[in-house]
C-alpha cells in the first residue's frame, strides 16, 4: 500500500525506535513487553501527532495556508506539536482551548504544554467546557479569512482521514522493524482518544493482512462512543488508501475502564504506572494518555488477560511535557 501518492512534509525523526522493556516484563512476570517510541518523533519534544502533521501540514501548504487552526484541552499534546510545525513551516498558529478541567491549578494553566505553546508564539483562545469545538474552529477561521489570511483547520488530535495516514504508516513501520528483529507481535496496545491513531493503525494492519489484534485503552469516552468513533474513521481511512472493505466492526476494540473521574483527571493507577516505568526503564509517560493506557495494560497483565509468553507492543504516543502541568497533583514517591 503506497502512501507516497499523498502530499507529505518531513517533520518527524523516523523510524522511531522499537525497544524491549525487559525490567518491566520481569517485574510483571511476563509477557514480554516492547515499546514503539513515538515520543521520539522529534518535533516540539515529540509525540504521535507529528506523524499526522506530516500529512496535514502538507495539505495546508498545498492550499497555500498562512495560518493553521486547531483545538484541544489546555495541556494538549497535539496543540504543542501543531504550534511547533507551524513555526518550522513559516505559518501562524491559532489554538482554541476548551476548559475541560474543573478547578485547574496554576501549573496546569501555565506550565507544561501550554508554556511551550507560548514559546512557539501560538495565539491562544479559550472557550467553556462543553462548547461546540467544530463551530469554535470555524468561527476563528472565518475571522481570520476576513482579515486576509488563508486558514487551514485541523480537527482535534489531527484526527481525520488525512491525519490518520500517519498511523497507517506507523503500522507499516513497526511491522518492518518486527520482521527485521524476528519479533512476532501478539498484541498492540495504545491510548485512544480523538480516534485518529487507532483508526490509522487499524487501517494499516488490516490493509496489510497482519492478523495482529489492536487494543485501544480509552482516556475520554465510554466504550460504545469510542469504538463507533474509531470504526467510522478507520473505514474512511481504509477507503482513502484504497483498501475499502478491509475494516470490520469487530476489529475495533477499546477498553474504557481506566478513565477514572474523567479526561485529564489523574488516577492513582496512572501515577503508579508512570513511576513504575520511569524507575524500571527510565522512560517518561504522561498523566493524560499514555499513563492511563499503561495502567490499563498493567492491570490486564495482572488479571492474566495475556499469556506469559505473549509479545506485547505498546505504542508510546508521547506527552511527557504534560507532566509539568500536573506537577502539583502527582506523587513522586512509590
C-alpha atoms as a PDB file:
ATOM      1  CA  UNK A   1       0.000   0.000   0.000  1.00  0.00           C
ATOM      2  CA  UNK A   2       1.796   3.140  -1.221  1.00  0.00           C
ATOM      3  CA  UNK A   3       1.377   6.326   0.783  1.00  0.00           C
ATOM      4  CA  UNK A   4       3.744   8.267  -1.486  1.00  0.00           C
ATOM      5  CA  UNK A   5       0.806   9.450  -3.583  1.00  0.00           C
ATOM      6  CA  UNK A   6      -0.392  11.615  -0.672  1.00  0.00           C
ATOM      7  CA  UNK A   7       1.182  15.037  -0.019  1.00  0.00           C
ATOM      8  CA  UNK A   8       3.646  14.827   2.856  1.00  0.00           C
ATOM      9  CA  UNK A   9       6.208  17.084   4.501  1.00  0.00           C
ATOM     10  CA  UNK A  10       9.111  15.795   6.592  1.00  0.00           C
ATOM     11  CA  UNK A  11       8.685  16.740  10.263  1.00  0.00           C
ATOM     12  CA  UNK A  12       9.422  13.566  12.231  1.00  0.00           C
ATOM     13  CA  UNK A  13      12.545  11.612  13.085  1.00  0.00           C
ATOM     14  CA  UNK A  14      11.603   8.273  11.574  1.00  0.00           C
ATOM     15  CA  UNK A  15      11.651   5.395  12.079  1.00  0.00           C
ATOM     16  CA  UNK A  16      11.177   5.736  15.811  1.00  0.00           C
ATOM     17  CA  UNK A  17      12.871   3.079  17.955  1.00  0.00           C
ATOM     18  CA  UNK A  18      11.195  -0.204  18.852  1.00  0.00           C
ATOM     19  CA  UNK A  19      12.666  -1.316  22.165  1.00  0.00           C
ATOM     20  CA  UNK A  20      12.271  -4.153  24.628  1.00  0.00           C
ATOM     21  CA  UNK A  21      11.222  -3.385  28.209  1.00  0.00           C
ATOM     22  CA  UNK A  22      12.951  -6.284  29.998  1.00  0.00           C
ATOM     23  CA  UNK A  23      12.798  -4.932  33.540  1.00  0.00           C
ATOM     24  CA  UNK A  24       9.076  -4.120  33.346  1.00  0.00           C
ATOM     25  CA  UNK A  25       8.410  -7.532  31.769  1.00  0.00           C
ATOM     26  CA  UNK A  26      10.329  -9.290  34.546  1.00  0.00           C
ATOM     27  CA  UNK A  27       8.630  -7.216  37.247  1.00  0.00           C
ATOM     28  CA  UNK A  28       5.211  -8.280  35.956  1.00  0.00           C
ATOM     29  CA  UNK A  29       6.224 -11.913  35.457  1.00  0.00           C
ATOM     30  CA  UNK A  30       5.659 -11.804  31.688  1.00  0.00           C
ATOM     31  CA  UNK A  31       4.555 -11.335  28.950  1.00  0.00           C
ATOM     32  CA  UNK A  32       7.431  -9.766  27.018  1.00  0.00           C
ATOM     33  CA  UNK A  33       6.698  -6.063  26.557  1.00  0.00           C
ATOM     34  CA  UNK A  34       8.105  -3.854  23.825  1.00  0.00           C
ATOM     35  CA  UNK A  35       7.565  -0.152  23.230  1.00  0.00           C
ATOM     36  CA  UNK A  36       7.327   1.818  19.993  1.00  0.00           C
ATOM     37  CA  UNK A  37       8.950   5.130  20.915  1.00  0.00           C
ATOM     38  CA  UNK A  38       6.722   7.659  19.177  1.00  0.00           C
ATOM     39  CA  UNK A  39       7.658  10.030  21.981  1.00  0.00           C
ATOM     40  CA  UNK A  40      10.878  10.330  19.941  1.00  0.00           C
ATOM     41  CA  UNK A  41       9.412  11.837  16.762  1.00  0.00           C
ATOM     42  CA  UNK A  42      11.451  14.968  17.447  1.00  0.00           C
ATOM     43  CA  UNK A  43       9.107  17.871  16.761  1.00  0.00           C
ATOM     44  CA  UNK A  44       8.385  20.054  19.798  1.00  0.00           C
ATOM     45  CA  UNK A  45       9.563  17.352  22.266  1.00  0.00           C
ATOM     46  CA  UNK A  46       7.925  14.637  20.145  1.00  0.00           C
ATOM     47  CA  UNK A  47       4.704  12.655  20.176  1.00  0.00           C
ATOM     48  CA  UNK A  48       2.260  10.869  17.927  1.00  0.00           C
ATOM     49  CA  UNK A  49       0.698  13.972  16.385  1.00  0.00           C
ATOM     50  CA  UNK A  50       3.881  14.685  14.442  1.00  0.00           C
ATOM     51  CA  UNK A  51       3.173  11.704  12.188  1.00  0.00           C
ATOM     52  CA  UNK A  52      -0.307  13.069  11.479  1.00  0.00           C
ATOM     53  CA  UNK A  53       1.004  16.577  10.935  1.00  0.00           C
ATOM     54  CA  UNK A  54       3.331  15.383   8.178  1.00  0.00           C
ATOM     55  CA  UNK A  55       0.234  14.802   6.056  1.00  0.00           C
ATOM     56  CA  UNK A  56      -1.978  17.567   7.447  1.00  0.00           C
ATOM     57  CA  UNK A  57       0.611  20.312   7.110  1.00  0.00           C
ATOM     58  CA  UNK A  58       1.464  19.125   3.608  1.00  0.00           C
ATOM     59  CA  UNK A  59      -2.176  19.622   2.655  1.00  0.00           C
ATOM     60  CA  UNK A  60      -2.106  23.050   4.325  1.00  0.00           C
ATOM     61  CA  UNK A  61       0.935  24.003   2.249  1.00  0.00           C
ATOM     62  CA  UNK A  62      -0.743  22.676  -0.875  1.00  0.00           C
ATOM     63  CA  UNK A  63      -3.669  25.007  -0.173  1.00  0.00           C
ATOM     64  CA  UNK A  64      -1.247  27.904   0.445  1.00  0.00           C
ATOM     65  CA  UNK A  65      -2.394  28.359   4.035  1.00  0.00           C
ATOM     66  CA  UNK A  66      -0.908  31.218   6.036  1.00  0.00           C
ATOM     67  CA  UNK A  67      -2.379  30.088   9.356  1.00  0.00           C
ATOM     68  CA  UNK A  68      -3.358  26.753  10.868  1.00  0.00           C
ATOM     69  CA  UNK A  69      -6.090  26.476  13.497  1.00  0.00           C
ATOM     70  CA  UNK A  70      -6.693  23.583  15.841  1.00  0.00           C
ATOM     71  CA  UNK A  71      -8.199  22.768  19.220  1.00  0.00           C
ATOM     72  CA  UNK A  72      -7.798  20.697  22.339  1.00  0.00           C
ATOM     73  CA  UNK A  73      -7.526  20.887  26.109  1.00  0.00           C
ATOM     74  CA  UNK A  74      -5.195  23.421  27.729  1.00  0.00           C
ATOM     75  CA  UNK A  75      -2.488  20.754  28.099  1.00  0.00           C
ATOM     76  CA  UNK A  76      -2.982  19.395  24.565  1.00  0.00           C
ATOM     77  CA  UNK A  77      -0.015  17.490  23.137  1.00  0.00           C
ATOM     78  CA  UNK A  78      -1.496  17.946  19.675  1.00  0.00           C
ATOM     79  CA  UNK A  79      -1.644  21.724  20.057  1.00  0.00           C
ATOM     80  CA  UNK A  80       2.004  21.870  21.114  1.00  0.00           C
ATOM     81  CA  UNK A  81       3.178  19.852  18.109  1.00  0.00           C
ATOM     82  CA  UNK A  82       0.954  21.834  15.729  1.00  0.00           C
ATOM     83  CA  UNK A  83       2.422  25.095  17.030  1.00  0.00           C
ATOM     84  CA  UNK A  84       5.938  23.737  16.501  1.00  0.00           C
ATOM     85  CA  UNK A  85       5.098  22.543  12.973  1.00  0.00           C
ATOM     86  CA  UNK A  86       3.684  25.949  12.099  1.00  0.00           C
ATOM     87  CA  UNK A  87       6.949  27.596  13.192  1.00  0.00           C
ATOM     88  CA  UNK A  88       9.012  25.155  11.147  1.00  0.00           C
ATOM     89  CA  UNK A  89       6.939  25.823   8.020  1.00  0.00           C
ATOM     90  CA  UNK A  90       6.581  29.572   8.432  1.00  0.00           C
ATOM     91  CA  UNK A  91       2.883  29.690   9.283  1.00  0.00           C
ATOM     92  CA  UNK A  92       0.902  31.309  12.064  1.00  0.00           C
ATOM     93  CA  UNK A  93      -0.886  29.097  14.575  1.00  0.00           C
ATOM     94  CA  UNK A  94      -4.187  29.656  16.373  1.00  0.00           C
ATOM     95  CA  UNK A  95      -5.115  27.363  19.262  1.00  0.00           C
ATOM     96  CA  UNK A  96      -8.624  27.103  20.705  1.00  0.00           C
ATOM     97  CA  UNK A  97      -8.597  25.530  24.166  1.00  0.00           C
ATOM     98  CA  UNK A  98     -11.619  24.019  25.849  1.00  0.00           C
ATOM     99  CA  UNK A  99     -11.618  24.433  29.638  1.00  0.00           C
ATOM    100  CA  UNK A 100     -12.150  20.718  30.277  1.00  0.00           C
ATOM    101  CA  UNK A 101     -10.659  20.543  33.768  1.00  0.00           C
ATOM    102  CA  UNK A 102     -12.642  21.797  36.759  1.00  0.00           C
ATOM    103  CA  UNK A 103     -10.656  23.963  39.188  1.00  0.00           C
ATOM    104  CA  UNK A 104      -7.389  23.832  37.217  1.00  0.00           C
ATOM    105  CA  UNK A 105      -4.181  24.503  39.114  1.00  0.00           C
ATOM    106  CA  UNK A 106      -1.645  27.183  38.307  1.00  0.00           C
ATOM    107  CA  UNK A 107       0.870  24.675  36.846  1.00  0.00           C
ATOM    108  CA  UNK A 108      -1.872  23.240  34.621  1.00  0.00           C
ATOM    109  CA  UNK A 109      -2.719  26.677  33.234  1.00  0.00           C
ATOM    110  CA  UNK A 110       0.830  27.978  32.829  1.00  0.00           C
ATOM    111  CA  UNK A 111       3.325  25.101  32.635  1.00  0.00           C
ATOM    112  CA  UNK A 112       3.913  22.004  30.511  1.00  0.00           C
ATOM    113  CA  UNK A 113       2.454  22.029  27.027  1.00  0.00           C
ATOM    114  CA  UNK A 114       0.818  25.452  27.271  1.00  0.00           C
ATOM    115  CA  UNK A 115       4.140  27.029  28.232  1.00  0.00           C
ATOM    116  CA  UNK A 116       5.687  25.519  25.095  1.00  0.00           C
ATOM    117  CA  UNK A 117       2.748  26.776  23.002  1.00  0.00           C
ATOM    118  CA  UNK A 118       3.616  30.293  24.127  1.00  0.00           C
ATOM    119  CA  UNK A 119       7.298  29.764  23.358  1.00  0.00           C
ATOM    120  CA  UNK A 120       6.275  28.774  19.821  1.00  0.00           C
ATOM    121  CA  UNK A 121       4.292  32.004  19.550  1.00  0.00           C
ATOM    122  CA  UNK A 122       0.853  30.470  19.106  1.00  0.00           C
ATOM    123  CA  UNK A 123      -2.191  32.680  19.622  1.00  0.00           C
ATOM    124  CA  UNK A 124      -4.324  31.043  22.314  1.00  0.00           C
ATOM    125  CA  UNK A 125      -8.078  31.412  22.809  1.00  0.00           C
ATOM    126  CA  UNK A 126     -10.246  29.663  25.388  1.00  0.00           C
ATOM    127  CA  UNK A 127     -13.870  28.502  25.331  1.00  0.00           C
ATOM    128  CA  UNK A 128     -16.043  26.986  28.030  1.00  0.00           C
ATOM    129  CA  UNK A 129     -16.245  23.281  28.749  1.00  0.00           C
ATOM    130  CA  UNK A 130     -18.822  21.593  26.534  1.00  0.00           C
ATOM    131  CA  UNK A 131     -18.535  24.133  23.716  1.00  0.00           C
ATOM    132  CA  UNK A 132     -19.098  23.080  20.110  1.00  0.00           C
ATOM    133  CA  UNK A 133     -15.429  22.903  19.172  1.00  0.00           C
ATOM    134  CA  UNK A 134     -16.059  22.454  15.451  1.00  0.00           C
ATOM    135  CA  UNK A 135     -18.090  25.643  15.432  1.00  0.00           C
ATOM    136  CA  UNK A 136     -15.435  27.410  17.507  1.00  0.00           C
ATOM    137  CA  UNK A 137     -12.741  26.498  14.965  1.00  0.00           C
ATOM    138  CA  UNK A 138     -14.849  27.665  12.035  1.00  0.00           C
ATOM    139  CA  UNK A 139     -15.601  30.929  13.800  1.00  0.00           C
ATOM    140  CA  UNK A 140     -11.887  31.628  14.206  1.00  0.00           C
ATOM    141  CA  UNK A 141     -11.246  30.592  10.598  1.00  0.00           C
ATOM    142  CA  UNK A 142     -13.928  32.982   9.336  1.00  0.00           C
ATOM    143  CA  UNK A 143     -12.498  35.807  11.425  1.00  0.00           C
ATOM    144  CA  UNK A 144      -9.012  35.266  10.027  1.00  0.00           C
ATOM    145  CA  UNK A 145     -10.217  34.892   6.445  1.00  0.00           C
ATOM    146  CA  UNK A 146     -11.970  38.229   6.782  1.00  0.00           C
ATOM    147  CA  UNK A 147      -8.552  39.666   7.689  1.00  0.00           C
ATOM    148  CA  UNK A 148      -6.998  38.265   4.508  1.00  0.00           C
ATOM    149  CA  UNK A 149      -5.464  35.095   5.905  1.00  0.00           C
ATOM    150  CA  UNK A 150      -5.700  31.701   4.219  1.00  0.00           C
ATOM    151  CA  UNK A 151      -6.807  29.436   7.063  1.00  0.00           C
ATOM    152  CA  UNK A 152      -6.434  25.672   7.305  1.00  0.00           C
ATOM    153  CA  UNK A 153      -8.451  23.971  10.049  1.00  0.00           C
ATOM    154  CA  UNK A 154      -7.067  20.847  11.717  1.00  0.00           C
ATOM    155  CA  UNK A 155      -9.539  18.844  13.842  1.00  0.00           C
ATOM    156  CA  UNK A 156      -8.738  17.993  17.443  1.00  0.00           C
ATOM    157  CA  UNK A 157      -5.938  15.453  17.630  1.00  0.00           C
ATOM    158  CA  UNK A 158      -5.392  15.750  13.889  1.00  0.00           C
ATOM    159  CA  UNK A 159      -7.981  13.011  13.644  1.00  0.00           C
ATOM    160  CA  UNK A 160      -9.400  12.848  10.146  1.00  0.00           C
ATOM    161  CA  UNK A 161      -8.538  10.595   7.215  1.00  0.00           C
ATOM    162  CA  UNK A 162      -5.570  12.774   6.252  1.00  0.00           C
ATOM    163  CA  UNK A 163      -4.061  12.755   9.742  1.00  0.00           C
ATOM    164  CA  UNK A 164      -4.765   9.031  10.184  1.00  0.00           C
ATOM    165  CA  UNK A 165      -2.360   8.327   7.312  1.00  0.00           C
ATOM    166  CA  UNK A 166       0.425   8.933   9.812  1.00  0.00           C
ATOM    167  CA  UNK A 167      -0.601   5.834  11.725  1.00  0.00           C
ATOM    168  CA  UNK A 168      -1.190   3.742   8.647  1.00  0.00           C
ATOM    169  CA  UNK A 169       2.479   4.482   8.034  1.00  0.00           C
ATOM    170  CA  UNK A 170       3.372   3.676  11.653  1.00  0.00           C
ATOM    171  CA  UNK A 171       1.760   0.246  11.329  1.00  0.00           C
ATOM    172  CA  UNK A 172       3.892  -0.489   8.258  1.00  0.00           C
ATOM    173  CA  UNK A 173       6.940   0.850  10.068  1.00  0.00           C
ATOM    174  CA  UNK A 174       6.724  -1.290  13.195  1.00  0.00           C
ATOM    175  CA  UNK A 175       5.861  -4.407  11.186  1.00  0.00           C
ATOM    176  CA  UNK A 176       9.023  -3.875   9.134  1.00  0.00           C
ATOM    177  CA  UNK A 177      11.034  -3.418  12.332  1.00  0.00           C
ATOM    178  CA  UNK A 178       9.498  -6.533  13.893  1.00  0.00           C
ATOM    179  CA  UNK A 179      10.324  -8.569  10.785  1.00  0.00           C
ATOM    180  CA  UNK A 180      13.956  -7.474  10.944  1.00  0.00           C
ATOM    181  CA  UNK A 181      14.109  -8.289  14.667  1.00  0.00           C
ATOM    182  CA  UNK A 182      12.446 -11.665  14.231  1.00  0.00           C
ATOM    183  CA  UNK A 183       9.738 -10.467  16.604  1.00  0.00           C
ATOM    184  CA  UNK A 184       6.254 -11.955  16.391  1.00  0.00           C
ATOM    185  CA  UNK A 185       3.853  -9.382  17.835  1.00  0.00           C
ATOM    186  CA  UNK A 186       0.803 -10.913  19.525  1.00  0.00           C
ATOM    187  CA  UNK A 187      -0.962  -7.698  20.579  1.00  0.00           C
ATOM    188  CA  UNK A 188      -0.594  -3.951  20.018  1.00  0.00           C
ATOM    189  CA  UNK A 189      -1.801  -1.613  22.792  1.00  0.00           C
ATOM    190  CA  UNK A 190      -2.061   2.175  22.916  1.00  0.00           C
ATOM    191  CA  UNK A 191      -4.030   5.100  24.315  1.00  0.00           C
ATOM    192  CA  UNK A 192      -7.085   6.056  22.271  1.00  0.00           C
ATOM    193  CA  UNK A 193      -8.715   9.470  22.451  1.00  0.00           C
ATOM    194  CA  UNK A 194      -9.567  11.525  19.366  1.00  0.00           C
ATOM    195  CA  UNK A 195      -9.577   8.280  17.307  1.00  0.00           C
ATOM    196  CA  UNK A 196      -7.034   9.074  14.582  1.00  0.00           C
ATOM    197  CA  UNK A 197      -4.178   6.985  15.946  1.00  0.00           C
ATOM    198  CA  UNK A 198      -6.289   3.880  16.459  1.00  0.00           C
ATOM    199  CA  UNK A 199      -8.126   4.323  13.150  1.00  0.00           C
ATOM    200  CA  UNK A 200      -4.873   4.671  11.228  1.00  0.00           C
ATOM    201  CA  UNK A 201      -3.308   1.659  12.941  1.00  0.00           C
ATOM    202  CA  UNK A 202      -6.362  -0.490  12.227  1.00  0.00           C
ATOM    203  CA  UNK A 203      -6.446   0.556   8.567  1.00  0.00           C
ATOM    204  CA  UNK A 204      -2.737  -0.180   8.190  1.00  0.00           C
ATOM    205  CA  UNK A 205      -2.859  -3.518   9.993  1.00  0.00           C
ATOM    206  CA  UNK A 206      -5.938  -4.688   8.089  1.00  0.00           C
ATOM    207  CA  UNK A 207      -4.753  -3.477   4.683  1.00  0.00           C
ATOM    208  CA  UNK A 208      -1.532  -5.446   5.175  1.00  0.00           C
ATOM    209  CA  UNK A 209      -3.397  -8.562   6.428  1.00  0.00           C
ATOM    210  CA  UNK A 210      -1.168  -8.655   9.518  1.00  0.00           C
ATOM    211  CA  UNK A 211      -3.587 -10.557  11.755  1.00  0.00           C
ATOM    212  CA  UNK A 212      -2.330  -8.549  14.766  1.00  0.00           C
ATOM    213  CA  UNK A 213      -5.103  -7.542  17.208  1.00  0.00           C
ATOM    214  CA  UNK A 214      -5.141  -3.938  18.401  1.00  0.00           C
ATOM    215  CA  UNK A 215      -6.398  -2.737  21.779  1.00  0.00           C
ATOM    216  CA  UNK A 216      -7.043   0.925  22.410  1.00  0.00           C
ATOM    217  CA  UNK A 217      -7.286   1.940  26.058  1.00  0.00           C
ATOM    218  CA  UNK A 218      -9.672   4.884  26.254  1.00  0.00           C
ATOM    219  CA  UNK A 219      -8.966   8.158  28.022  1.00  0.00           C
ATOM    220  CA  UNK A 220     -12.080  10.250  27.488  1.00  0.00           C
ATOM    221  CA  UNK A 221     -15.256   8.492  26.302  1.00  0.00           C
ATOM    222  CA  UNK A 222     -17.445   5.450  27.058  1.00  0.00           C
ATOM    223  CA  UNK A 223     -16.623   2.300  25.123  1.00  0.00           C
ATOM    224  CA  UNK A 224     -19.575   2.395  22.713  1.00  0.00           C
ATOM    225  CA  UNK A 225     -18.933   6.023  21.802  1.00  0.00           C
ATOM    226  CA  UNK A 226     -15.188   5.500  21.388  1.00  0.00           C
ATOM    227  CA  UNK A 227     -15.462   2.355  19.298  1.00  0.00           C
ATOM    228  CA  UNK A 228     -18.023   3.859  16.939  1.00  0.00           C
ATOM    229  CA  UNK A 229     -15.889   6.971  16.501  1.00  0.00           C
ATOM    230  CA  UNK A 230     -12.821   4.868  15.700  1.00  0.00           C
ATOM    231  CA  UNK A 231     -14.711   2.483  13.417  1.00  0.00           C
ATOM    232  CA  UNK A 232     -16.144   5.296  11.315  1.00  0.00           C
ATOM    233  CA  UNK A 233     -12.743   6.887  10.821  1.00  0.00           C
ATOM    234  CA  UNK A 234     -10.963   3.558  10.259  1.00  0.00           C
ATOM    235  CA  UNK A 235     -13.407   2.668   7.462  1.00  0.00           C
ATOM    236  CA  UNK A 236     -12.975   6.113   5.919  1.00  0.00           C
ATOM    237  CA  UNK A 237      -9.181   5.850   6.159  1.00  0.00           C
ATOM    238  CA  UNK A 238      -9.115   2.371   4.622  1.00  0.00           C
ATOM    239  CA  UNK A 239     -11.184   3.624   1.696  1.00  0.00           C
ATOM    240  CA  UNK A 240      -8.864   6.619   1.337  1.00  0.00           C
ATOM    241  CA  UNK A 241      -5.784   4.399   0.942  1.00  0.00           C
ATOM    242  CA  UNK A 242      -7.536   2.053  -1.479  1.00  0.00           C
ATOM    243  CA  UNK A 243      -8.297  -0.747   0.972  1.00  0.00           C
ATOM    244  CA  UNK A 244     -12.082  -0.464   1.150  1.00  0.00           C
ATOM    245  CA  UNK A 245     -13.833  -3.361   2.863  1.00  0.00           C
ATOM    246  CA  UNK A 246     -10.841  -4.485   4.935  1.00  0.00           C
ATOM    247  CA  UNK A 247     -12.009  -2.999   8.259  1.00  0.00           C
ATOM    248  CA  UNK A 248     -14.815  -4.741  10.148  1.00  0.00           C
ATOM    249  CA  UNK A 249     -16.605  -3.604  13.280  1.00  0.00           C
ATOM    250  CA  UNK A 250     -15.068  -6.449  15.277  1.00  0.00           C
ATOM    251  CA  UNK A 251     -11.575  -5.078  14.543  1.00  0.00           C
ATOM    252  CA  UNK A 252     -12.226  -2.026  16.720  1.00  0.00           C
ATOM    253  CA  UNK A 253     -11.743  -2.730  20.423  1.00  0.00           C
ATOM    254  CA  UNK A 254     -11.474  -0.078  23.125  1.00  0.00           C
ATOM    255  CA  UNK A 255     -11.248  -0.737  26.858  1.00  0.00           C
ATOM    256  CA  UNK A 256     -12.512   2.394  28.580  1.00  0.00           C
ATOM    257  CA  UNK A 257     -12.305   1.097  32.151  1.00  0.00           C
ATOM    258  CA  UNK A 258      -9.308   3.211  33.150  1.00  0.00           C
ATOM    259  CA  UNK A 259     -10.523   6.766  32.563  1.00  0.00           C
ATOM    260  CA  UNK A 260     -11.259   7.389  36.238  1.00  0.00           C
ATOM    261  CA  UNK A 261     -13.177  10.560  37.058  1.00  0.00           C
ATOM    262  CA  UNK A 262     -12.765  11.985  33.586  1.00  0.00           C
ATOM    263  CA  UNK A 263     -10.456  13.200  30.845  1.00  0.00           C
ATOM    264  CA  UNK A 264      -7.248  14.669  32.212  1.00  0.00           C
ATOM    265  CA  UNK A 265      -8.101  13.773  35.814  1.00  0.00           C
ATOM    266  CA  UNK A 266      -5.219  11.817  37.376  1.00  0.00           C
ATOM    267  CA  UNK A 267      -5.802   8.349  38.810  1.00  0.00           C
ATOM    268  CA  UNK A 268      -3.766   6.515  41.416  1.00  0.00           C
ATOM    269  CA  UNK A 269      -3.202   3.629  38.983  1.00  0.00           C
ATOM    270  CA  UNK A 270      -1.857   6.045  36.365  1.00  0.00           C
ATOM    271  CA  UNK A 271       0.506   7.607  38.902  1.00  0.00           C
ATOM    272  CA  UNK A 272       1.733   4.160  39.947  1.00  0.00           C
ATOM    273  CA  UNK A 273       2.288   3.145  36.326  1.00  0.00           C
ATOM    274  CA  UNK A 274       4.188   6.331  35.426  1.00  0.00           C
ATOM    275  CA  UNK A 275       6.507   5.878  38.424  1.00  0.00           C
ATOM    276  CA  UNK A 276       6.963   2.170  37.723  1.00  0.00           C
ATOM    277  CA  UNK A 277       8.043   2.675  34.124  1.00  0.00           C
ATOM    278  CA  UNK A 278      10.268   5.647  34.947  1.00  0.00           C
ATOM    279  CA  UNK A 279      12.121   3.721  37.640  1.00  0.00           C
ATOM    280  CA  UNK A 280      12.352   0.390  35.866  1.00  0.00           C
ATOM    281  CA  UNK A 281      13.078   1.596  32.327  1.00  0.00           C
ATOM    282  CA  UNK A 282      13.937   5.304  32.563  1.00  0.00           C
ATOM    283  CA  UNK A 283      11.080   6.251  30.221  1.00  0.00           C
ATOM    284  CA  UNK A 284       8.581   9.030  30.931  1.00  0.00           C
ATOM    285  CA  UNK A 285       4.885   8.604  30.165  1.00  0.00           C
ATOM    286  CA  UNK A 286       2.243  11.304  30.526  1.00  0.00           C
ATOM    287  CA  UNK A 287      -0.664  11.619  33.002  1.00  0.00           C
ATOM    288  CA  UNK A 288      -3.496  12.057  30.468  1.00  0.00           C
ATOM    289  CA  UNK A 289      -2.941   9.461  27.716  1.00  0.00           C
ATOM    290  CA  UNK A 290      -0.024   7.033  27.914  1.00  0.00           C
ATOM    291  CA  UNK A 291      -0.038   6.856  31.709  1.00  0.00           C
ATOM    292  CA  UNK A 292      -3.659   5.710  31.850  1.00  0.00           C
ATOM    293  CA  UNK A 293      -3.132   3.299  28.953  1.00  0.00           C
ATOM    294  CA  UNK A 294      -0.046   1.869  30.647  1.00  0.00           C
ATOM    295  CA  UNK A 295      -2.024   1.462  33.882  1.00  0.00           C
ATOM    296  CA  UNK A 296      -4.668  -0.396  31.901  1.00  0.00           C
ATOM    297  CA  UNK A 297      -2.153  -2.701  30.257  1.00  0.00           C
ATOM    298  CA  UNK A 298      -0.507  -3.482  33.597  1.00  0.00           C
ATOM    299  CA  UNK A 299      -3.875  -4.270  35.168  1.00  0.00           C
ATOM    300  CA  UNK A 300      -4.808  -6.557  32.271  1.00  0.00           C
ATOM    301  CA  UNK A 301      -1.481  -8.365  32.616  1.00  0.00           C
ATOM    302  CA  UNK A 302      -2.039  -8.832  36.326  1.00  0.00           C
ATOM    303  CA  UNK A 303      -5.500 -10.218  35.545  1.00  0.00           C
ATOM    304  CA  UNK A 304      -3.898 -12.778  33.173  1.00  0.00           C
ATOM    305  CA  UNK A 305      -5.608 -11.359  30.071  1.00  0.00           C
ATOM    306  CA  UNK A 306      -2.412 -12.049  28.115  1.00  0.00           C
ATOM    307  CA  UNK A 307      -0.293 -15.185  28.025  1.00  0.00           C
ATOM    308  CA  UNK A 308       3.051 -15.177  29.866  1.00  0.00           C
ATOM    309  CA  UNK A 309       4.879 -15.824  26.594  1.00  0.00           C
ATOM    310  CA  UNK A 310       2.965 -13.272  24.533  1.00  0.00           C
ATOM    311  CA  UNK A 311       4.803 -10.401  22.889  1.00  0.00           C
ATOM    312  CA  UNK A 312       3.065  -7.069  23.536  1.00  0.00           C
ATOM    313  CA  UNK A 313       3.859  -3.871  21.698  1.00  0.00           C
ATOM    314  CA  UNK A 314       2.858  -0.648  23.442  1.00  0.00           C
ATOM    315  CA  UNK A 315       2.719   2.438  21.216  1.00  0.00           C
ATOM    316  CA  UNK A 316       4.162   5.315  23.257  1.00  0.00           C
ATOM    317  CA  UNK A 317       2.362   8.339  21.831  1.00  0.00           C
ATOM    318  CA  UNK A 318       4.393  10.870  23.834  1.00  0.00           C
ATOM    319  CA  UNK A 319       3.167  13.692  26.037  1.00  0.00           C
ATOM    320  CA  UNK A 320       5.742  13.775  28.830  1.00  0.00           C
ATOM    321  CA  UNK A 321       5.764  17.600  28.691  1.00  0.00           C
ATOM    322  CA  UNK A 322       2.304  17.360  30.259  1.00  0.00           C
ATOM    323  CA  UNK A 323       3.850  16.006  33.464  1.00  0.00           C
ATOM    324  CA  UNK A 324       4.897  19.540  34.366  1.00  0.00           C
ATOM    325  CA  UNK A 325       1.300  20.715  34.088  1.00  0.00           C
ATOM    326  CA  UNK A 326       0.379  18.145  36.738  1.00  0.00           C
ATOM    327  CA  UNK A 327       3.409  18.605  38.990  1.00  0.00           C
ATOM    328  CA  UNK A 328       1.244  19.575  41.959  1.00  0.00           C
ATOM    329  CA  UNK A 329      -1.101  16.595  41.557  1.00  0.00           C
ATOM    330  CA  UNK A 330       1.299  13.682  41.057  1.00  0.00           C
ATOM    331  CA  UNK A 331       3.237  11.986  43.807  1.00  0.00           C
ATOM    332  CA  UNK A 332       6.888  11.174  43.145  1.00  0.00           C
ATOM    333  CA  UNK A 333       7.307   8.514  45.821  1.00  0.00           C
ATOM    334  CA  UNK A 334       6.294   4.955  45.095  1.00  0.00           C
END
